[in-house]
Amino acid sequence: MENYVKGIAEFIIDVGGATRYGPAAAFTDIVKAIVYDGNIVLSIVTPHKFNDIDEEVFISVPTVIGRSIGLKLTNILRRDELMKLHEAARAVYSTYREVLRI
């Protein structure tokens, strides 16, 4: 999987000369929202606790960003979206636990 992800990034850079919308662009949006107290919804990584996962898992969810990190908007997600979010959290936690064993 890691080679696939690296391959995609290399492909984008080969075709476009660079990635246009990457972490730097997302970071810029977050900083602007904080500086200007934008209270806009951005999908950012925050810690979440799930009943069947032993520790908090850092996953991306829609969150109101202004002078501070505000309300997480998981309550507006559909049931199937929440299930996928939970599935993603389990996958992240599983990978984390796997890496710790190496």
N, C-alpha and C. Protein backbone atom coordinates (compact mmCIF):
# COMPACT_ATOMS: atom_id res chain seq x y z
N MET A 1 0.83 -1.20 0.00
CA MET A 1 0.00 0.00 0.00
C MET A 1 0.87 1.25 0.00
N GLU A 2 1.95 1.24 0.77
CA GLU A 2 2.82 2.41 0.86
C GLU A 2 3.40 2.76 -0.51
N ASN A 3 3.82 1.76 -1.27
CA ASN A 3 4.36 2.01 -2.60
C ASN A 3 3.31 2.62 -3.52
N TYR A 4 2.07 2.17 -3.38
CA TYR A 4 0.98 2.70 -4.19
C TYR A 4 0.79 4.19 -3.90
N VAL A 5 0.77 4.55 -2.63
CA VAL A 5 0.58 5.96 -2.24
C VAL A 5 1.74 6.80 -2.77
N LYS A 6 2.97 6.32 -2.59
CA LYS A 6 4.12 7.05 -3.10
C LYS A 6 4.07 7.16 -4.61
N GLY A 7 3.60 6.11 -5.26
CA GLY A 7 3.49 6.12 -6.72
C GLY A 7 2.51 7.16 -7.21
N ILE A 8 1.40 7.32 -6.52
CA ILE A 8 0.40 8.32 -6.90
C ILE A 8 1.00 9.72 -6.77
N ALA A 9 1.68 9.98 -5.66
CA ALA A 9 2.30 11.30 -5.46
C ALA A 9 3.33 11.58 -6.56
N GLU A 10 4.14 10.59 -6.88
CA GLU A 10 5.14 10.76 -7.94
C GLU A 10 4.47 11.02 -9.28
N PHE A 11 3.37 10.32 -9.55
CA PHE A 11 2.63 10.51 -10.80
C PHE A 11 2.10 11.94 -10.90
N ILE A 12 1.52 12.43 -9.82
CA ILE A 12 0.97 13.80 -9.81
C ILE A 12 2.09 14.81 -10.06
N ILE A 13 3.22 14.62 -9.40
CA ILE A 13 4.35 15.54 -9.57
C ILE A 13 4.89 15.46 -10.99
N ASP A 14 4.99 14.23 -11.56
CA ASP A 14 5.48 14.07 -12.94
C ASP A 14 4.57 14.77 -13.93
N VAL A 15 3.27 14.64 -13.75
CA VAL A 15 2.31 15.23 -14.70
C VAL A 15 2.18 16.73 -14.51
N GLY A 16 2.03 17.17 -13.27
CA GLY A 16 1.76 18.59 -13.01
C GLY A 16 2.96 19.40 -12.58
N GLY A 17 4.07 18.75 -12.31
CA GLY A 17 5.25 19.46 -11.85
C GLY A 17 5.26 19.65 -10.34
N ALA A 18 4.12 19.46 -9.69
CA ALA A 18 4.02 19.59 -8.24
C ALA A 18 2.61 19.22 -7.83
N THR A 19 2.40 19.05 -6.55
CA THR A 19 1.03 18.87 -6.05
C THR A 19 0.53 20.27 -5.70
N ARG A 20 -0.64 20.61 -6.18
CA ARG A 20 -1.17 21.95 -5.95
C ARG A 20 -1.92 22.06 -4.64
N TYR A 21 -2.67 21.04 -4.30
CA TYR A 21 -3.51 21.10 -3.10
C TYR A 21 -3.09 19.98 -2.17
N GLY A 22 -2.14 20.26 -1.36
CA GLY A 22 -1.63 19.27 -0.44
C GLY A 22 -1.71 19.78 0.97
N PRO A 23 -0.88 19.23 1.82
CA PRO A 23 -0.89 19.65 3.23
C PRO A 23 -0.68 21.14 3.43
N ALA A 24 0.15 21.76 2.62
CA ALA A 24 0.41 23.20 2.79
C ALA A 24 -0.85 24.02 2.54
N ALA A 25 -1.63 23.65 1.54
CA ALA A 25 -2.87 24.38 1.26
C ALA A 25 -3.87 24.20 2.40
N ALA A 26 -3.97 22.99 2.91
CA ALA A 26 -4.89 22.73 4.02
C ALA A 26 -4.44 23.51 5.26
N PHE A 27 -3.15 23.52 5.51
CA PHE A 27 -2.61 24.25 6.65
C PHE A 27 -2.91 25.75 6.52
N THR A 28 -2.78 26.28 5.32
CA THR A 28 -3.08 27.69 5.07
C THR A 28 -4.54 28.00 5.39
N ASP A 29 -5.45 27.12 4.98
CA ASP A 29 -6.88 27.33 5.28
C ASP A 29 -7.13 27.34 6.79
N ILE A 30 -6.47 26.44 7.51
CA ILE A 30 -6.65 26.36 8.96
C ILE A 30 -6.13 27.63 9.62
N VAL A 31 -4.94 28.07 9.22
CA VAL A 31 -4.35 29.28 9.81
C VAL A 31 -5.24 30.49 9.53
N LYS A 32 -5.73 30.63 8.31
CA LYS A 32 -6.62 31.76 7.97
C LYS A 32 -7.88 31.72 8.81
N ALA A 33 -8.45 30.53 9.00
CA ALA A 33 -9.68 30.41 9.80
C ALA A 33 -9.43 30.86 11.24
N ILE A 34 -8.24 30.54 11.77
CA ILE A 34 -7.91 30.94 13.14
C ILE A 34 -7.63 32.44 13.22
N VAL A 35 -6.78 32.94 12.34
CA VAL A 35 -6.38 34.35 12.36
C VAL A 35 -7.59 35.28 12.17
N TYR A 36 -8.46 34.93 11.23
CA TYR A 36 -9.61 35.78 10.92
C TYR A 36 -10.87 35.36 11.66
N ASP A 37 -10.74 34.42 12.60
CA ASP A 37 -11.88 33.91 13.37
C ASP A 37 -13.04 33.57 12.42
N GLY A 38 -12.70 32.77 11.40
CA GLY A 38 -13.63 32.49 10.32
C GLY A 38 -14.84 31.65 10.67
N ASN A 39 -14.73 30.83 11.73
CA ASN A 39 -15.82 29.91 12.08
C ASN A 39 -16.33 29.18 10.84
N ILE A 40 -15.39 28.59 10.12
CA ILE A 40 -15.74 27.82 8.93
C ILE A 40 -15.55 26.34 9.22
N VAL A 41 -16.20 25.53 8.43
CA VAL A 41 -16.11 24.08 8.60
C VAL A 41 -14.98 23.54 7.73
N LEU A 42 -14.02 22.90 8.39
CA LEU A 42 -12.92 22.24 7.70
C LEU A 42 -12.82 20.83 8.26
N SER A 43 -12.35 19.94 7.44
CA SER A 43 -12.13 18.59 7.91
C SER A 43 -10.70 18.52 8.45
N ILE A 44 -10.59 18.42 9.78
CA ILE A 44 -9.28 18.38 10.41
C ILE A 44 -9.17 17.13 11.29
N VAL A 45 -7.94 16.78 11.58
CA VAL A 45 -7.69 15.61 12.42
C VAL A 45 -7.77 16.02 13.88
N THR A 46 -8.64 15.32 14.62
CA THR A 46 -8.78 15.54 16.05
C THR A 46 -8.92 14.19 16.74
N PRO A 47 -8.66 14.13 18.04
CA PRO A 47 -8.79 12.85 18.74
C PRO A 47 -10.25 12.48 18.97
N HIS A 48 -10.55 11.20 18.80
CA HIS A 48 -11.89 10.68 19.04
C HIS A 48 -11.79 9.40 19.84
N LYS A 49 -12.74 9.19 20.73
CA LYS A 49 -12.78 7.97 21.53
C LYS A 49 -13.97 7.13 21.08
N PHE A 50 -13.71 5.86 20.80
CA PHE A 50 -14.75 4.90 20.43
C PHE A 50 -14.80 3.82 21.50
N ASN A 51 -15.99 3.33 21.78
CA ASN A 51 -16.17 2.34 22.85
C ASN A 51 -15.33 1.08 22.65
N ASP A 52 -15.17 0.63 21.43
CA ASP A 52 -14.48 -0.64 21.19
C ASP A 52 -12.99 -0.47 20.87
N ILE A 53 -12.46 0.74 21.01
CA ILE A 53 -11.04 1.01 20.76
C ILE A 53 -10.44 1.52 22.07
N ASP A 54 -9.32 0.90 22.47
CA ASP A 54 -8.74 1.17 23.78
C ASP A 54 -8.26 2.60 23.99
N GLU A 55 -7.81 3.26 22.94
CA GLU A 55 -7.24 4.60 23.07
C GLU A 55 -7.95 5.56 22.12
N GLU A 56 -7.70 6.85 22.33
CA GLU A 56 -8.21 7.83 21.38
C GLU A 56 -7.52 7.61 20.04
N VAL A 57 -8.27 7.84 18.98
CA VAL A 57 -7.74 7.71 17.62
C VAL A 57 -7.88 9.07 16.95
N PHE A 58 -6.82 9.50 16.28
CA PHE A 58 -6.84 10.78 15.58
C PHE A 58 -7.34 10.56 14.16
N ILE A 59 -8.53 11.09 13.88
CA ILE A 59 -9.13 10.96 12.55
C ILE A 59 -9.71 12.31 12.12
N SER A 60 -9.91 12.43 10.83
CA SER A 60 -10.39 13.69 10.26
C SER A 60 -11.91 13.72 10.23
N VAL A 61 -12.48 14.78 10.79
CA VAL A 61 -13.93 14.99 10.77
C VAL A 61 -14.22 16.47 10.52
N PRO A 62 -15.39 16.78 9.98
CA PRO A 62 -15.76 18.19 9.80
C PRO A 62 -15.83 18.89 11.17
N THR A 63 -15.12 20.01 11.28
CA THR A 63 -15.02 20.73 12.55
C THR A 63 -15.08 22.23 12.27
N VAL A 64 -15.77 22.96 13.15
CA VAL A 64 -15.84 24.41 13.03
C VAL A 64 -14.52 24.99 13.56
N ILE A 65 -13.86 25.80 12.72
CA ILE A 65 -12.58 26.39 13.10
C ILE A 65 -12.70 27.91 13.09
N GLY A 66 -12.37 28.49 14.22
CA GLY A 66 -12.31 29.94 14.36
C GLY A 66 -11.09 30.27 15.19
N ARG A 67 -11.24 31.13 16.17
CA ARG A 67 -10.10 31.42 17.06
C ARG A 67 -9.69 30.18 17.83
N SER A 68 -10.57 29.21 17.87
CA SER A 68 -10.27 27.94 18.53
C SER A 68 -10.94 26.81 17.74
N ILE A 69 -10.57 25.60 18.09
CA ILE A 69 -11.23 24.45 17.46
C ILE A 69 -12.58 24.30 18.12
N GLY A 70 -13.62 24.38 17.32
CA GLY A 70 -14.98 24.36 17.84
C GLY A 70 -15.65 23.01 17.75
N LEU A 71 -16.90 23.06 17.49
CA LEU A 71 -17.76 21.89 17.46
C LEU A 71 -17.36 20.91 16.36
N LYS A 72 -17.24 19.65 16.72
CA LYS A 72 -17.05 18.59 15.74
C LYS A 72 -18.42 18.25 15.19
N LEU A 73 -18.54 18.19 13.90
CA LEU A 73 -19.86 18.03 13.28
C LEU A 73 -20.20 16.58 12.96
N THR A 74 -19.80 15.67 13.81
CA THR A 74 -20.13 14.26 13.57
C THR A 74 -21.64 14.04 13.66
N ASN A 75 -22.35 14.91 14.37
CA ASN A 75 -23.80 14.76 14.51
C ASN A 75 -24.56 15.02 13.20
N ILE A 76 -23.92 15.63 12.20
CA ILE A 76 -24.61 15.86 10.93
C ILE A 76 -24.30 14.77 9.90
N LEU A 77 -23.42 13.85 10.28
CA LEU A 77 -23.09 12.76 9.36
C LEU A 77 -24.20 11.73 9.33
N ARG A 78 -24.40 11.14 8.16
CA ARG A 78 -25.39 10.07 8.03
C ARG A 78 -24.87 8.83 8.75
N ARG A 79 -25.77 7.92 9.04
CA ARG A 79 -25.41 6.68 9.75
C ARG A 79 -24.31 5.92 8.99
N ASP A 80 -24.44 5.82 7.67
CA ASP A 80 -23.42 5.09 6.90
C ASP A 80 -22.08 5.81 6.95
N GLU A 81 -22.10 7.14 7.00
CA GLU A 81 -20.85 7.90 7.11
C GLU A 81 -20.20 7.68 8.48
N LEU A 82 -21.03 7.65 9.52
CA LEU A 82 -20.49 7.38 10.86
C LEU A 82 -19.89 5.99 10.94
N MET A 83 -20.53 5.03 10.29
CA MET A 83 -20.00 3.66 10.28
C MET A 83 -18.65 3.62 9.56
N LYS A 84 -18.53 4.34 8.45
CA LYS A 84 -17.25 4.40 7.73
C LYS A 84 -16.19 5.11 8.55
N LEU A 85 -16.57 6.14 9.28
CA LEU A 85 -15.64 6.85 10.15
C LEU A 85 -15.12 5.90 11.23
N HIS A 86 -16.02 5.13 11.81
CA HIS A 86 -15.65 4.16 12.84
C HIS A 86 -14.75 3.07 12.24
N GLU A 87 -15.08 2.63 11.06
CA GLU A 87 -14.26 1.63 10.36
C GLU A 87 -12.85 2.19 10.10
N ALA A 88 -12.77 3.43 9.68
CA ALA A 88 -11.48 4.07 9.44
C ALA A 88 -10.69 4.17 10.74
N ALA A 89 -11.35 4.52 11.82
CA ALA A 89 -10.69 4.63 13.12
C ALA A 89 -10.12 3.27 13.55
N ARG A 90 -10.89 2.21 13.35
CA ARG A 90 -10.38 0.87 13.69
C ARG A 90 -9.16 0.53 12.84
N ALA A 91 -9.18 0.90 11.56
CA ALA A 91 -8.04 0.62 10.67
C ALA A 91 -6.82 1.40 11.11
N VAL A 92 -7.00 2.67 11.45
CA VAL A 92 -5.88 3.50 11.92
C VAL A 92 -5.30 2.90 13.20
N TYR A 93 -6.17 2.53 14.13
CA TYR A 93 -5.71 1.98 15.40
C TYR A 93 -5.00 0.64 15.18
N SER A 94 -5.53 -0.17 14.30
CA SER A 94 -4.91 -1.46 13.99
C SER A 94 -3.50 -1.27 13.43
N THR A 95 -3.35 -0.32 12.52
CA THR A 95 -2.03 -0.03 11.95
C THR A 95 -1.09 0.49 13.02
N TYR A 96 -1.58 1.35 13.87
CA TYR A 96 -0.79 1.89 14.98
C TYR A 96 -0.29 0.76 15.87
N ARG A 97 -1.16 -0.15 16.24
CA ARG A 97 -0.79 -1.28 17.12
C ARG A 97 0.22 -2.20 16.40
N GLU A 98 0.02 -2.39 15.13
CA GLU A 98 0.92 -3.22 14.33
C GLU A 98 2.33 -2.63 14.30
N VAL A 99 2.42 -1.33 14.10
CA VAL A 99 3.71 -0.66 14.05
C VAL A 99 4.43 -0.76 15.39
N LEU A 100 3.68 -0.68 16.48
CA LEU A 100 4.30 -0.78 17.80
C LEU A 100 4.93 -2.15 18.05
N ARG A 101 4.41 -3.16 17.39
CA ARG A 101 4.95 -4.52 17.56
C ARG A 101 6.23 -4.74 16.76
N ILE A 102 6.49 -3.88 15.80
CA ILE A 102 7.67 -4.07 14.92
C ILE A 102 8.94 -3.70 15.65
